[in-house]
Amino acid sequence: MPLVEWTRVLWFISIGLTAVLLAQLWRQGLLATYRVLTIYLIWDIVSAVTLASVKYGTTTYGVLFFSFQPITCLLYVLTTLELMTQVLRHYPGFAVLGRRLLSASLAVGASLALLSMFSGVNYQPNVPRSTLIAVNLFLLSRVVCLTVLGFVATSTFLFMWFPVRLPPNATRFLIGYSICFAVRTINYLLLGQKGFSYAEQASFVMMVVLSTCLSFWIVRLRREGEEPVLARSGKISMEQQQRILEQIQSINTSLMRARRK
């Protein structure tokens, strides 16, 4: 079976897994906790079903795909902000700082991408206008993905390194989300370098990773996972962990105090 057919099969599997994850969120009473993630999952199903109903490679498919990108990118950002808030719900000072840093990074990155678009950096006189729009949208998508990936990857590393109390559900969502973002960002970069001839392979890899993450979330998502758990490290003693926790809480308190001023 051709790779494009395998990708299509995985695509439908991922749609089904997304629906199962939504049902699991509802069954565990977590829809209200992860509102933006729920909206993103619903949008993912709607956009995927819409694209699946159109023949791949046609002009209609391309128009729909690129018209969906701004909404998808916006939901990427909002979902990341929500997951960061949920992971750091017991450290609100760090959560506010993280949201501000991510917002500032996105504002700078998106501004640079839009500036290049409107200044005609990618303009080529012999290239169709629709192709130029596609190239610029990919540029904007790459900027958003790279910014979010860098922020999420750094945050995930810090969470895993320092012994802090984190809710398992949100932490698993954030780690899986960062893996999906890493693959998606690499795909965007490769598509930008090698062109759309790589699109089939990129889509297949993305579907494999997405289906794996969705399956993991479905299996591990539990209501009890909302309770914070201390991520203990075997490299440091309990006394050192407690000292680090006190220092982190002190910094969090200072950030909250500075926020009120």
Protein backbone atom coordinates (compact mmCIF):
# COMPACT_ATOMS: atom_id res chain seq x y z
CA MET A 1 0.00 0.00 0.00
CA PRO A 2 1.40 3.46 -0.95
CA LEU A 3 2.64 5.72 1.83
CA VAL A 4 -0.15 8.21 1.17
CA GLU A 5 -2.72 5.48 1.85
CA TRP A 6 -1.02 4.49 5.11
CA THR A 7 -1.04 8.16 6.10
CA ARG A 8 -4.75 8.38 5.33
CA VAL A 9 -5.44 5.30 7.48
CA LEU A 10 -3.46 6.79 10.37
CA TRP A 11 -5.30 10.06 9.82
CA PHE A 12 -8.66 8.40 10.39
CA ILE A 13 -7.22 6.50 13.37
CA SER A 14 -6.04 9.79 14.90
CA ILE A 15 -9.52 11.30 14.39
CA GLY A 16 -11.03 8.35 16.25
CA LEU A 17 -8.43 8.57 19.03
CA THR A 18 -9.10 12.30 19.41
CA ALA A 19 -12.80 11.57 19.85
CA VAL A 20 -11.96 8.89 22.44
CA LEU A 21 -9.73 11.36 24.31
CA LEU A 22 -12.56 13.89 24.39
CA ALA A 23 -14.87 11.21 25.77
CA GLN A 24 -12.24 10.33 28.37
CA LEU A 25 -11.95 13.97 29.43
CA TRP A 26 -15.73 14.10 29.80
CA ARG A 27 -15.87 10.79 31.70
CA GLN A 28 -13.19 11.93 34.13
CA GLY A 29 -14.91 15.30 34.62
CA LEU A 30 -11.96 17.26 33.21
CA LEU A 31 -13.56 19.16 30.31
CA ALA A 32 -13.89 22.31 32.44
CA THR A 33 -10.28 22.00 33.60
CA TYR A 34 -8.91 21.80 30.06
CA ARG A 35 -11.33 24.06 28.17
CA VAL A 36 -8.93 25.31 25.51
CA LEU A 37 -7.48 21.84 24.97
CA THR A 38 -11.04 20.57 24.49
CA ILE A 39 -11.71 23.30 21.90
CA TYR A 40 -8.46 22.43 20.14
CA LEU A 41 -9.35 18.72 20.02
CA ILE A 42 -12.82 19.51 18.64
CA TRP A 43 -11.30 21.84 16.04
CA ASP A 44 -8.78 19.13 15.13
CA ILE A 45 -11.62 16.68 14.45
CA VAL A 46 -13.67 19.21 12.46
CA SER A 47 -10.73 20.35 10.30
CA ALA A 48 -9.49 16.77 9.77
CA VAL A 49 -12.92 15.48 8.74
CA THR A 50 -13.36 18.47 6.41
CA LEU A 51 -9.99 17.88 4.74
CA ALA A 52 -10.60 14.12 4.57
CA SER A 53 -13.75 14.78 2.54
CA VAL A 54 -11.73 16.59 -0.14
CA LYS A 55 -9.37 14.91 -2.59
CA TYR A 56 -5.74 15.31 -1.52
CA GLY A 57 -3.60 17.45 -3.83
CA THR A 58 -6.45 19.47 -5.32
CA THR A 59 -6.75 23.25 -5.26
CA THR A 60 -9.74 23.00 -2.91
CA TYR A 61 -7.69 20.91 -0.48
CA GLY A 62 -4.89 23.47 -0.53
CA VAL A 63 -7.23 26.42 0.02
CA LEU A 64 -8.92 24.70 2.96
CA PHE A 65 -5.62 23.57 4.49
CA PHE A 66 -4.02 27.01 4.40
CA SER A 67 -7.20 28.79 5.51
CA PHE A 68 -7.26 26.53 8.60
CA GLN A 69 -3.67 27.39 9.57
CA PRO A 70 -4.31 30.75 11.34
CA ILE A 71 -6.98 29.18 13.59
CA THR A 72 -4.78 26.15 14.26
CA CYS A 73 -1.77 28.33 15.16
CA LEU A 74 -3.90 30.44 17.50
CA LEU A 75 -5.16 27.31 19.24
CA TYR A 76 -1.57 26.01 19.51
CA VAL A 77 -0.64 29.09 21.50
CA LEU A 78 -3.77 29.19 23.67
CA THR A 79 -3.48 25.46 24.45
CA THR A 80 0.16 25.88 25.43
CA LEU A 81 -0.74 28.75 27.75
CA GLU A 82 -3.51 26.69 29.35
CA LEU A 83 -1.29 23.63 29.85
CA MET A 84 1.44 25.81 31.35
CA THR A 85 -1.10 27.33 33.74
CA GLN A 86 -2.39 23.89 34.73
CA VAL A 87 1.10 22.45 35.25
CA LEU A 88 2.04 25.44 37.44
CA ARG A 89 -1.32 25.87 39.15
CA HIS A 90 0.38 25.53 42.56
CA TYR A 91 3.06 28.03 41.53
CA PRO A 92 0.95 30.94 40.18
CA GLY A 93 3.90 33.35 40.20
CA PHE A 94 5.87 31.16 37.79
CA ALA A 95 2.71 30.58 35.72
CA VAL A 96 2.20 34.33 35.20
CA LEU A 97 5.89 34.80 34.38
CA GLY A 98 5.76 31.92 31.87
CA ARG A 99 2.66 33.31 30.13
CA ARG A 100 4.25 36.73 29.81
CA LEU A 101 7.52 35.32 28.43
CA LEU A 102 5.70 33.16 25.88
CA SER A 103 3.41 36.03 24.84
CA ALA A 104 6.38 38.38 24.41
CA SER A 105 8.35 35.79 22.40
CA LEU A 106 5.37 35.12 20.13
CA ALA A 107 4.74 38.83 19.63
CA VAL A 108 8.34 39.42 18.55
CA GLY A 109 8.50 36.32 16.33
CA ALA A 110 5.13 36.89 14.67
CA SER A 111 5.97 40.58 14.10
CA LEU A 112 9.20 39.65 12.33
CA ALA A 113 7.38 37.03 10.21
CA LEU A 114 4.60 39.47 9.27
CA LEU A 115 7.15 42.20 8.51
CA SER A 116 8.94 39.88 6.08
CA MET A 117 5.59 38.98 4.48
CA PHE A 118 4.46 42.58 3.95
CA SER A 119 7.91 43.77 2.85
CA GLY A 120 7.94 41.15 0.10
CA VAL A 121 10.99 39.18 1.25
CA ASN A 122 9.61 36.02 -0.34
CA TYR A 123 8.19 37.75 -3.40
CA GLN A 124 9.10 36.21 -6.76
CA PRO A 125 7.53 37.70 -9.91
CA ASN A 126 7.11 34.40 -11.76
CA VAL A 127 5.54 32.50 -8.87
CA PRO A 128 1.70 32.35 -8.59
CA ARG A 129 0.16 34.48 -5.87
CA SER A 130 -1.43 31.42 -4.22
CA THR A 131 2.01 29.82 -3.88
CA LEU A 132 3.46 32.97 -2.31
CA ILE A 133 0.59 33.05 0.19
CA ALA A 134 1.28 29.40 1.03
CA VAL A 135 5.01 30.11 1.50
CA ASN A 136 4.30 33.06 3.80
CA LEU A 137 1.77 31.09 5.83
CA PHE A 138 4.35 28.35 6.28
CA LEU A 139 6.83 30.99 7.41
CA LEU A 140 4.40 32.26 10.03
CA SER A 141 3.58 28.69 11.11
CA ARG A 142 7.28 27.87 11.48
CA VAL A 143 7.85 30.95 13.63
CA VAL A 144 4.91 30.09 15.90
CA CYS A 145 5.95 26.43 16.18
CA LEU A 146 9.61 27.23 16.84
CA THR A 147 8.71 29.76 19.54
CA VAL A 148 6.24 27.47 21.28
CA LEU A 149 8.55 24.47 20.95
CA GLY A 150 11.50 26.32 22.47
CA PHE A 151 9.38 27.53 25.37
CA VAL A 152 7.69 24.18 26.02
CA ALA A 153 10.93 22.18 25.68
CA THR A 154 12.77 24.46 28.11
CA SER A 155 9.89 24.36 30.59
CA THR A 156 9.60 20.57 30.35
CA PHE A 157 13.33 20.17 30.99
CA LEU A 158 13.13 22.41 34.06
CA PHE A 159 10.11 20.50 35.40
CA MET A 160 11.93 17.19 35.01
CA TRP A 161 15.16 18.51 36.51
CA PHE A 162 13.83 20.25 39.61
CA PRO A 163 11.89 18.38 42.32
CA VAL A 164 8.57 20.27 42.22
CA ARG A 165 4.97 19.23 42.85
CA LEU A 166 3.17 18.90 39.53
CA PRO A 167 -0.19 17.40 38.50
CA PRO A 168 0.54 14.24 36.42
CA ASN A 169 -2.27 14.84 33.90
CA ALA A 170 -1.14 18.32 32.86
CA THR A 171 2.52 17.27 32.90
CA ARG A 172 1.83 14.33 30.55
CA PHE A 173 -0.21 16.57 28.27
CA LEU A 174 2.62 19.11 28.16
CA ILE A 175 5.33 16.50 27.46
CA GLY A 176 3.29 14.81 24.72
CA TYR A 177 2.39 18.21 23.32
CA SER A 178 6.08 19.16 23.16
CA ILE A 179 6.90 15.94 21.28
CA CYS A 180 4.14 16.62 18.73
CA PHE A 181 5.37 20.19 18.39
CA ALA A 182 8.96 19.01 17.85
CA VAL A 183 7.92 16.72 15.00
CA ARG A 184 5.59 19.33 13.49
CA THR A 185 8.30 22.01 13.63
CA ILE A 186 10.90 19.71 12.04
CA ASN A 187 8.39 18.93 9.29
CA TYR A 188 7.79 22.63 8.65
CA LEU A 189 11.54 23.24 8.43
CA LEU A 190 12.08 20.32 6.05
CA LEU A 191 9.15 21.41 3.89
CA GLY A 192 10.66 24.87 3.72
CA GLN A 193 14.05 23.48 2.68
CA LYS A 194 13.06 20.57 0.41
CA GLY A 195 9.66 21.71 -0.80
CA PHE A 196 6.35 19.87 -0.86
CA SER A 197 7.91 16.74 -2.38
CA TYR A 198 8.59 15.76 1.24
CA ALA A 199 4.97 16.34 2.29
CA GLU A 200 3.89 12.67 2.18
CA GLN A 201 6.74 11.47 4.44
CA ALA A 202 6.24 14.42 6.80
CA SER A 203 2.52 13.71 7.10
CA PHE A 204 3.12 10.01 7.78
CA VAL A 205 5.63 10.68 10.58
CA MET A 206 3.32 13.30 12.10
CA MET A 207 0.38 10.89 12.10
CA VAL A 208 2.46 8.15 13.79
CA VAL A 209 3.62 10.51 16.55
CA LEU A 210 0.18 12.05 17.02
CA SER A 211 -1.56 8.66 17.25
CA THR A 212 1.04 7.48 19.79
CA CYS A 213 0.59 10.57 21.99
CA LEU A 214 -3.20 10.35 21.82
CA SER A 215 -3.11 6.67 22.81
CA PHE A 216 -0.77 7.46 25.74
CA TRP A 217 -3.04 10.26 26.98
CA ILE A 218 -6.15 8.08 26.74
CA VAL A 219 -4.53 5.29 28.77
CA ARG A 220 -2.94 7.50 31.45
CA LEU A 221 -5.64 10.18 31.89
CA ARG A 222 -7.31 9.84 35.29
CA ARG A 223 -9.21 12.18 37.62
CA GLU A 224 -6.68 11.40 40.38
CA GLY A 225 -3.95 12.75 38.09
CA GLU A 226 -5.03 16.28 38.95
CA GLU A 227 -3.48 15.98 42.42
CA PRO A 228 0.11 17.31 42.50
CA VAL A 229 2.88 14.76 42.90
CA LEU A 230 6.44 15.48 43.96
CA ALA A 231 8.84 14.63 41.15
CA ARG A 232 11.64 13.12 43.18
CA SER A 233 15.17 12.82 41.85
CA GLY A 234 17.49 10.03 42.93
CA LYS A 235 20.51 12.28 42.39
CA ILE A 236 19.81 14.50 45.38
CA SER A 237 18.84 13.74 48.98
CA MET A 238 15.45 14.40 50.55
CA GLU A 239 16.95 17.27 52.55
CA GLN A 240 18.23 18.92 49.38
CA GLN A 241 14.88 18.40 47.68
CA GLN A 242 13.08 20.04 50.58
CA ARG A 243 15.49 22.97 50.51
CA ILE A 244 14.96 23.42 46.76
CA LEU A 245 11.17 23.26 47.25
CA GLU A 246 11.37 26.00 49.89
CA GLN A 247 13.51 28.15 47.60
CA ILE A 248 11.11 27.65 44.68
CA GLN A 249 8.14 28.54 46.88
CA SER A 250 9.98 31.63 48.10
CA ILE A 251 10.64 32.77 44.52
CA ASN A 252 6.99 32.07 43.63
CA THR A 253 5.85 34.22 46.55
CA SER A 254 8.18 37.02 45.47
CA LEU A 255 6.81 36.88 41.92
CA MET A 256 3.24 37.06 43.21
CA ARG A 257 4.15 39.99 45.44
CA ALA A 258 5.77 41.82 42.52
CA ARG A 259 2.68 41.17 40.40
CA ARG A 260 0.43 42.93 42.93
CA LYS A 261 2.57 46.07 42.93
